[in-house]
Amino acid sequence: MVSRVEGYGWWMTFTVLIVLAVPWFLWGVDRVVVGLPVWVWWHVGWMALASLCFRLFARRAWGLGIEGASE
């Protein structure tokens, strides 16, 4: 069972990940780093961060918002 505070923390974490999924602030930037546009590197970093968050979520809070819903 996940505590209420931890549950709010997970909701905030995933909200931030969703907001940062599209790099609005990089639109129109044509800078290239190591042969790829900066926005591609943003997505590489975002996917790595999202996968780490999901792994931690799967280990600690799997079922958050589902368990107890039928009670």
PDB file of N, CA and C in Angstrom:
ATOM      1  N   MET A   1       0.841  -1.181   0.000  1.00  0.00           N
ATOM      2  CA  MET A   1       0.000   0.000   0.000  1.00  0.00           C
ATOM      3  C   MET A   1       0.888   1.248   0.000  1.00  0.00           C
ATOM      4  N   VAL A   2       0.530   2.188  -0.819  1.00  0.00           N
ATOM      5  CA  VAL A   2       1.284   3.427  -0.963  1.00  0.00           C
ATOM      6  C   VAL A   2       0.663   4.489  -0.068  1.00  0.00           C
ATOM      7  N   SER A   3       1.512   5.237   0.642  1.00  0.00           N
ATOM      8  CA  SER A   3       0.978   6.304   1.496  1.00  0.00           C
ATOM      9  C   SER A   3       0.408   7.414   0.624  1.00  0.00           C
ATOM     10  N   ARG A   4      -0.427   8.221   1.231  1.00  0.00           N
ATOM     11  CA  ARG A   4      -1.071   9.314   0.498  1.00  0.00           C
ATOM     12  C   ARG A   4      -0.034  10.314  -0.029  1.00  0.00           C
ATOM     13  N   VAL A   5       0.960  10.625   0.794  1.00  0.00           N
ATOM     14  CA  VAL A   5       2.010  11.570   0.387  1.00  0.00           C
ATOM     15  C   VAL A   5       2.804  11.008  -0.793  1.00  0.00           C
ATOM     16  N   GLU A   6       3.159   9.721  -0.705  1.00  0.00           N
ATOM     17  CA  GLU A   6       3.895   9.098  -1.804  1.00  0.00           C
ATOM     18  C   GLU A   6       3.042   9.065  -3.075  1.00  0.00           C
ATOM     19  N   GLY A   7       1.760   8.831  -2.910  1.00  0.00           N
ATOM     20  CA  GLY A   7       0.849   8.835  -4.060  1.00  0.00           C
ATOM     21  C   GLY A   7       0.820  10.189  -4.749  1.00  0.00           C
ATOM     22  N   TYR A   8       0.740  11.259  -3.956  1.00  0.00           N
ATOM     23  CA  TYR A   8       0.783  12.603  -4.540  1.00  0.00           C
ATOM     24  C   TYR A   8       2.126  12.864  -5.219  1.00  0.00           C
ATOM     25  N   GLY A   9       3.184  12.349  -4.641  1.00  0.00           N
ATOM     26  CA  GLY A   9       4.502  12.490  -5.254  1.00  0.00           C
ATOM     27  C   GLY A   9       4.577  11.830  -6.621  1.00  0.00           C
ATOM     28  N   TRP A  10       3.978  10.636  -6.740  1.00  0.00           N
ATOM     29  CA  TRP A  10       3.965   9.952  -8.032  1.00  0.00           C
ATOM     30  C   TRP A  10       3.125  10.715  -9.044  1.00  0.00           C
ATOM     31  N   TRP A  11       1.983  11.222  -8.606  1.00  0.00           N
ATOM     32  CA  TRP A  11       1.156  12.006  -9.538  1.00  0.00           C
ATOM     33  C   TRP A  11       1.908  13.239 -10.020  1.00  0.00           C
ATOM     34  N   MET A  12       2.622  13.904  -9.132  1.00  0.00           N
ATOM     35  CA  MET A  12       3.412  15.075  -9.525  1.00  0.00           C
ATOM     36  C   MET A  12       4.550  14.687 -10.474  1.00  0.00           C
ATOM     37  N   THR A  13       5.205  13.572 -10.185  1.00  0.00           N
ATOM     38  CA  THR A  13       6.299  13.103 -11.034  1.00  0.00           C
ATOM     39  C   THR A  13       5.819  12.854 -12.453  1.00  0.00           C
ATOM     40  N   PHE A  14       4.704  12.143 -12.591  1.00  0.00           N
ATOM     41  CA  PHE A  14       4.208  11.840 -13.920  1.00  0.00           C
ATOM     42  C   PHE A  14       3.621  13.060 -14.616  1.00  0.00           C
ATOM     43  N   THR A  15       3.093  13.994 -13.849  1.00  0.00           N
ATOM     44  CA  THR A  15       2.614  15.244 -14.444  1.00  0.00           C
ATOM     45  C   THR A  15       3.782  16.021 -15.041  1.00  0.00           C
ATOM     46  N   VAL A  16       4.888  16.110 -14.306  1.00  0.00           N
ATOM     47  CA  VAL A  16       6.077  16.803 -14.811  1.00  0.00           C
ATOM     48  C   VAL A  16       6.622  16.092 -16.048  1.00  0.00           C
ATOM     49  N   LEU A  17       6.652  14.767 -16.027  1.00  0.00           N
ATOM     50  CA  LEU A  17       7.128  14.024 -17.201  1.00  0.00           C
ATOM     51  C   LEU A  17       6.254  14.295 -18.420  1.00  0.00           C
ATOM     52  N   ILE A  18       4.955  14.374 -18.223  1.00  0.00           N
ATOM     53  CA  ILE A  18       4.047  14.654 -19.341  1.00  0.00           C
ATOM     54  C   ILE A  18       4.269  16.067 -19.875  1.00  0.00           C
ATOM     55  N   VAL A  19       4.414  17.028 -18.978  1.00  0.00           N
ATOM     56  CA  VAL A  19       4.632  18.418 -19.397  1.00  0.00           C
ATOM     57  C   VAL A  19       5.948  18.550 -20.176  1.00  0.00           C
ATOM     58  N   LEU A  20       6.973  17.835 -19.749  1.00  0.00           N
ATOM     59  CA  LEU A  20       8.279  17.935 -20.395  1.00  0.00           C
ATOM     60  C   LEU A  20       8.428  17.031 -21.625  1.00  0.00           C
ATOM     61  N   ALA A  21       7.400  16.267 -21.967  1.00  0.00           N
ATOM     62  CA  ALA A  21       7.489  15.348 -23.101  1.00  0.00           C
ATOM     63  C   ALA A  21       7.690  16.094 -24.416  1.00  0.00           C
ATOM     64  N   VAL A  22       7.074  17.250 -24.556  1.00  0.00           N
ATOM     65  CA  VAL A  22       7.221  18.050 -25.773  1.00  0.00           C
ATOM     66  C   VAL A  22       8.057  19.282 -25.427  1.00  0.00           C
ATOM     67  N   PRO A  23       9.243  19.405 -26.009  1.00  0.00           N
ATOM     68  CA  PRO A  23      10.118  20.532 -25.678  1.00  0.00           C
ATOM     69  C   PRO A  23       9.730  21.808 -26.439  1.00  0.00           C
ATOM     70  N   TRP A  24       8.655  22.434 -25.991  1.00  0.00           N
ATOM     71  CA  TRP A  24       8.164  23.642 -26.669  1.00  0.00           C
ATOM     72  C   TRP A  24       9.253  24.698 -26.777  1.00  0.00           C
ATOM     73  N   PHE A  25      10.081  24.816 -25.769  1.00  0.00           N
ATOM     74  CA  PHE A  25      11.121  25.843 -25.735  1.00  0.00           C
ATOM     75  C   PHE A  25      12.248  25.569 -26.728  1.00  0.00           C
ATOM     76  N   LEU A  26      12.292  24.387 -27.335  1.00  0.00           N
ATOM     77  CA  LEU A  26      13.319  24.088 -28.336  1.00  0.00           C
ATOM     78  C   LEU A  26      12.808  24.221 -29.765  1.00  0.00           C
ATOM     79  N   TRP A  27      11.550  24.608 -29.937  1.00  0.00           N
ATOM     80  CA  TRP A  27      11.026  24.782 -31.290  1.00  0.00           C
ATOM     81  C   TRP A  27      11.771  25.919 -31.966  1.00  0.00           C
ATOM     82  N   GLY A  28      12.213  25.679 -33.166  1.00  0.00           N
ATOM     83  CA  GLY A  28      12.930  26.688 -33.923  1.00  0.00           C
ATOM     84  C   GLY A  28      14.426  26.699 -33.667  1.00  0.00           C
ATOM     85  N   VAL A  29      14.914  25.888 -32.753  1.00  0.00           N
ATOM     86  CA  VAL A  29      16.352  25.817 -32.478  1.00  0.00           C
ATOM     87  C   VAL A  29      16.961  24.821 -33.446  1.00  0.00           C
ATOM     88  N   ASP A  30      17.915  25.277 -34.277  1.00  0.00           N
ATOM     89  CA  ASP A  30      18.518  24.358 -35.245  1.00  0.00           C
ATOM     90  C   ASP A  30      19.929  23.936 -34.865  1.00  0.00           C
ATOM     91  N   ARG A  31      20.309  24.107 -33.637  1.00  0.00           N
ATOM     92  CA  ARG A  31      21.648  23.712 -33.212  1.00  0.00           C
ATOM     93  C   ARG A  31      21.789  22.192 -33.264  1.00  0.00           C
ATOM     94  N   VAL A  32      22.952  21.744 -33.702  1.00  0.00           N
ATOM     95  CA  VAL A  32      23.235  20.312 -33.831  1.00  0.00           C
ATOM     96  C   VAL A  32      24.376  19.954 -32.884  1.00  0.00           C
ATOM     97  N   VAL A  33      24.202  18.851 -32.158  1.00  0.00           N
ATOM     98  CA  VAL A  33      25.233  18.350 -31.246  1.00  0.00           C
ATOM     99  C   VAL A  33      25.499  16.896 -31.609  1.00  0.00           C
ATOM    100  N   VAL A  34      26.737  16.570 -31.880  1.00  0.00           N
ATOM    101  CA  VAL A  34      27.156  15.215 -32.250  1.00  0.00           C
ATOM    102  C   VAL A  34      26.288  14.670 -33.385  1.00  0.00           C
ATOM    103  N   GLY A  35      26.003  15.526 -34.345  1.00  0.00           N
ATOM    104  CA  GLY A  35      25.291  15.098 -35.546  1.00  0.00           C
ATOM    105  C   GLY A  35      23.782  15.041 -35.443  1.00  0.00           C
ATOM    106  N   LEU A  36      23.210  15.324 -34.280  1.00  0.00           N
ATOM    107  CA  LEU A  36      21.752  15.292 -34.116  1.00  0.00           C
ATOM    108  C   LEU A  36      21.260  16.622 -33.567  1.00  0.00           C
ATOM    109  N   PRO A  37      20.051  17.024 -33.967  1.00  0.00           N
ATOM    110  CA  PRO A  37      19.489  18.266 -33.430  1.00  0.00           C
ATOM    111  C   PRO A  37      19.311  18.171 -31.911  1.00  0.00           C
ATOM    112  N   VAL A  38      19.375  19.317 -31.257  1.00  0.00           N
ATOM    113  CA  VAL A  38      19.262  19.370 -29.797  1.00  0.00           C
ATOM    114  C   VAL A  38      17.960  18.751 -29.325  1.00  0.00           C
ATOM    115  N   TRP A  39      16.862  18.962 -30.067  1.00  0.00           N
ATOM    116  CA  TRP A  39      15.577  18.429 -29.619  1.00  0.00           C
ATOM    117  C   TRP A  39      15.567  16.901 -29.615  1.00  0.00           C
ATOM    118  N   VAL A  40      16.362  16.253 -30.466  1.00  0.00           N
ATOM    119  CA  VAL A  40      16.459  14.788 -30.435  1.00  0.00           C
ATOM    120  C   VAL A  40      17.153  14.358 -29.144  1.00  0.00           C
ATOM    121  N   TRP A  41      18.216  15.073 -28.757  1.00  0.00           N
ATOM    122  CA  TRP A  41      18.898  14.759 -27.501  1.00  0.00           C
ATOM    123  C   TRP A  41      17.959  14.971 -26.318  1.00  0.00           C
ATOM    124  N   TRP A  42      17.098  15.995 -26.403  1.00  0.00           N
ATOM    125  CA  TRP A  42      16.106  16.211 -25.345  1.00  0.00           C
ATOM    126  C   TRP A  42      15.252  14.959 -25.192  1.00  0.00           C
ATOM    127  N   HIS A  43      14.781  14.409 -26.298  1.00  0.00           N
ATOM    128  CA  HIS A  43      13.920  13.221 -26.237  1.00  0.00           C
ATOM    129  C   HIS A  43      14.680  11.999 -25.732  1.00  0.00           C
ATOM    130  N   VAL A  44      15.930  11.879 -26.090  1.00  0.00           N
ATOM    131  CA  VAL A  44      16.738  10.762 -25.573  1.00  0.00           C
ATOM    132  C   VAL A  44      16.826  10.859 -24.053  1.00  0.00           C
ATOM    133  N   GLY A  45      17.137  12.040 -23.553  1.00  0.00           N
ATOM    134  CA  GLY A  45      17.213  12.241 -22.105  1.00  0.00           C
ATOM    135  C   GLY A  45      15.876  12.054 -21.428  1.00  0.00           C
ATOM    136  N   TRP A  46      14.809  12.549 -22.052  1.00  0.00           N
ATOM    137  CA  TRP A  46      13.469  12.409 -21.485  1.00  0.00           C
ATOM    138  C   TRP A  46      13.071  10.937 -21.407  1.00  0.00           C
ATOM    139  N   MET A  47      13.362  10.186 -22.456  1.00  0.00           N
ATOM    140  CA  MET A  47      13.014   8.759 -22.440  1.00  0.00           C
ATOM    141  C   MET A  47      13.794   8.007 -21.368  1.00  0.00           C
ATOM    142  N   ALA A  48      15.061   8.359 -21.174  1.00  0.00           N
ATOM    143  CA  ALA A  48      15.851   7.725 -20.116  1.00  0.00           C
ATOM    144  C   ALA A  48      15.262   8.052 -18.743  1.00  0.00           C
ATOM    145  N   LEU A  49      14.925   9.316 -18.513  1.00  0.00           N
ATOM    146  CA  LEU A  49      14.332   9.719 -17.237  1.00  0.00           C
ATOM    147  C   LEU A  49      12.973   9.051 -17.026  1.00  0.00           C
ATOM    148  N   ALA A  50      12.140   9.026 -18.068  1.00  0.00           N
ATOM    149  CA  ALA A  50      10.821   8.400 -17.959  1.00  0.00           C
ATOM    150  C   ALA A  50      10.945   6.906 -17.663  1.00  0.00           C
ATOM    151  N   SER A  51      11.908   6.242 -18.286  1.00  0.00           N
ATOM    152  CA  SER A  51      12.062   4.800 -18.032  1.00  0.00           C
ATOM    153  C   SER A  51      12.544   4.539 -16.617  1.00  0.00           C
ATOM    154  N   LEU A  52      13.430   5.389 -16.096  1.00  0.00           N
ATOM    155  CA  LEU A  52      13.873   5.226 -14.711  1.00  0.00           C
ATOM    156  C   LEU A  52      12.729   5.465 -13.729  1.00  0.00           C
ATOM    157  N   CYS A  53      11.924   6.492 -13.997  1.00  0.00           N
ATOM    158  CA  CYS A  53      10.766   6.767 -13.129  1.00  0.00           C
ATOM    159  C   CYS A  53       9.777   5.605 -13.168  1.00  0.00           C
ATOM    160  N   PHE A  54       9.537   5.065 -14.350  1.00  0.00           N
ATOM    161  CA  PHE A  54       8.592   3.961 -14.458  1.00  0.00           C
ATOM    162  C   PHE A  54       9.120   2.719 -13.762  1.00  0.00           C
ATOM    163  N   ARG A  55      10.420   2.480 -13.869  1.00  0.00           N
ATOM    164  CA  ARG A  55      10.992   1.316 -13.181  1.00  0.00           C
ATOM    165  C   ARG A  55      10.814   1.444 -11.672  1.00  0.00           C
ATOM    166  N   LEU A  56      11.110   2.624 -11.135  1.00  0.00           N
ATOM    167  CA  LEU A  56      10.943   2.855  -9.705  1.00  0.00           C
ATOM    168  C   LEU A  56       9.468   2.749  -9.306  1.00  0.00           C
ATOM    169  N   PHE A  57       8.600   3.297 -10.129  1.00  0.00           N
ATOM    170  CA  PHE A  57       7.166   3.212  -9.872  1.00  0.00           C
ATOM    171  C   PHE A  57       6.700   1.754  -9.851  1.00  0.00           C
ATOM    172  N   ALA A  58       7.178   0.959 -10.810  1.00  0.00           N
ATOM    173  CA  ALA A  58       6.772  -0.448 -10.892  1.00  0.00           C
ATOM    174  C   ALA A  58       7.226  -1.230  -9.656  1.00  0.00           C
ATOM    175  N   ARG A  59       8.348  -0.858  -9.086  1.00  0.00           N
ATOM    176  CA  ARG A  59       8.851  -1.550  -7.897  1.00  0.00           C
ATOM    177  C   ARG A  59       8.169  -1.093  -6.606  1.00  0.00           C
ATOM    178  N   ARG A  60       7.826   0.191  -6.517  1.00  0.00           N
ATOM    179  CA  ARG A  60       7.328   0.740  -5.248  1.00  0.00           C
ATOM    180  C   ARG A  60       5.817   0.942  -5.191  1.00  0.00           C
ATOM    181  N   ALA A  61       5.201   1.335  -6.294  1.00  0.00           N
ATOM    182  CA  ALA A  61       3.816   1.798  -6.207  1.00  0.00           C
ATOM    183  C   ALA A  61       2.908   1.224  -7.291  1.00  0.00           C
ATOM    184  N   TRP A  62       3.238   0.061  -7.804  1.00  0.00           N
ATOM    185  CA  TRP A  62       2.421  -0.529  -8.856  1.00  0.00           C
ATOM    186  C   TRP A  62       1.000  -0.735  -8.326  1.00  0.00           C
ATOM    187  N   GLY A  63       0.018  -0.314  -9.067  1.00  0.00           N
ATOM    188  CA  GLY A  63      -1.374  -0.441  -8.656  1.00  0.00           C
ATOM    189  C   GLY A  63      -1.924   0.828  -8.051  1.00  0.00           C
ATOM    190  N   LEU A  64      -1.126   1.885  -7.984  1.00  0.00           N
ATOM    191  CA  LEU A  64      -1.574   3.158  -7.429  1.00  0.00           C
ATOM    192  C   LEU A  64      -2.786   3.664  -8.195  1.00  0.00           C
ATOM    193  N   GLY A  65      -3.846   3.949  -7.502  1.00  0.00           N
ATOM    194  CA  GLY A  65      -5.073   4.410  -8.141  1.00  0.00           C
ATOM    195  C   GLY A  65      -5.962   3.291  -8.628  1.00  0.00           C
ATOM    196  N   ILE A  66      -5.501   2.047  -8.503  1.00  0.00           N
ATOM    197  CA  ILE A  66      -6.290   0.898  -8.940  1.00  0.00           C
ATOM    198  C   ILE A  66      -6.704   0.060  -7.743  1.00  0.00           C
ATOM    199  N   GLU A  67      -5.739  -0.216  -6.864  1.00  0.00           N
ATOM    200  CA  GLU A  67      -6.044  -1.007  -5.680  1.00  0.00           C
ATOM    201  C   GLU A  67      -7.048  -0.272  -4.801  1.00  0.00           C
ATOM    202  N   GLY A  68      -8.047  -0.971  -4.364  1.00  0.00           N
ATOM    203  CA  GLY A  68      -9.037  -0.373  -3.499  1.00  0.00           C
ATOM    204  C   GLY A  68     -10.127   0.368  -4.243  1.00  0.00           C
ATOM    205  N   ALA A  69     -10.016   0.451  -5.589  1.00  0.00           N
ATOM    206  CA  ALA A  69     -11.033   1.175  -6.357  1.00  0.00           C
ATOM    207  C   ALA A  69     -12.360   0.440  -6.351  1.00  0.00           C
ATOM    208  N   SER A  70     -12.322  -0.893  -6.228  1.00  0.00           N
ATOM    209  CA  SER A  70     -13.554  -1.657  -6.253  1.00  0.00           C
ATOM    210  C   SER A  70     -14.183  -1.784  -4.849  1.00  0.00           C
ATOM    211  N   GLU A  71     -13.508  -1.310  -3.837  1.00  0.00           N
ATOM    212  CA  GLU A  71     -14.024  -1.435  -2.472  1.00  0.00           C
ATOM    213  C   GLU A  71     -15.058  -0.401  -2.175  1.00  0.00           C
TER     214      GLU A  71
END
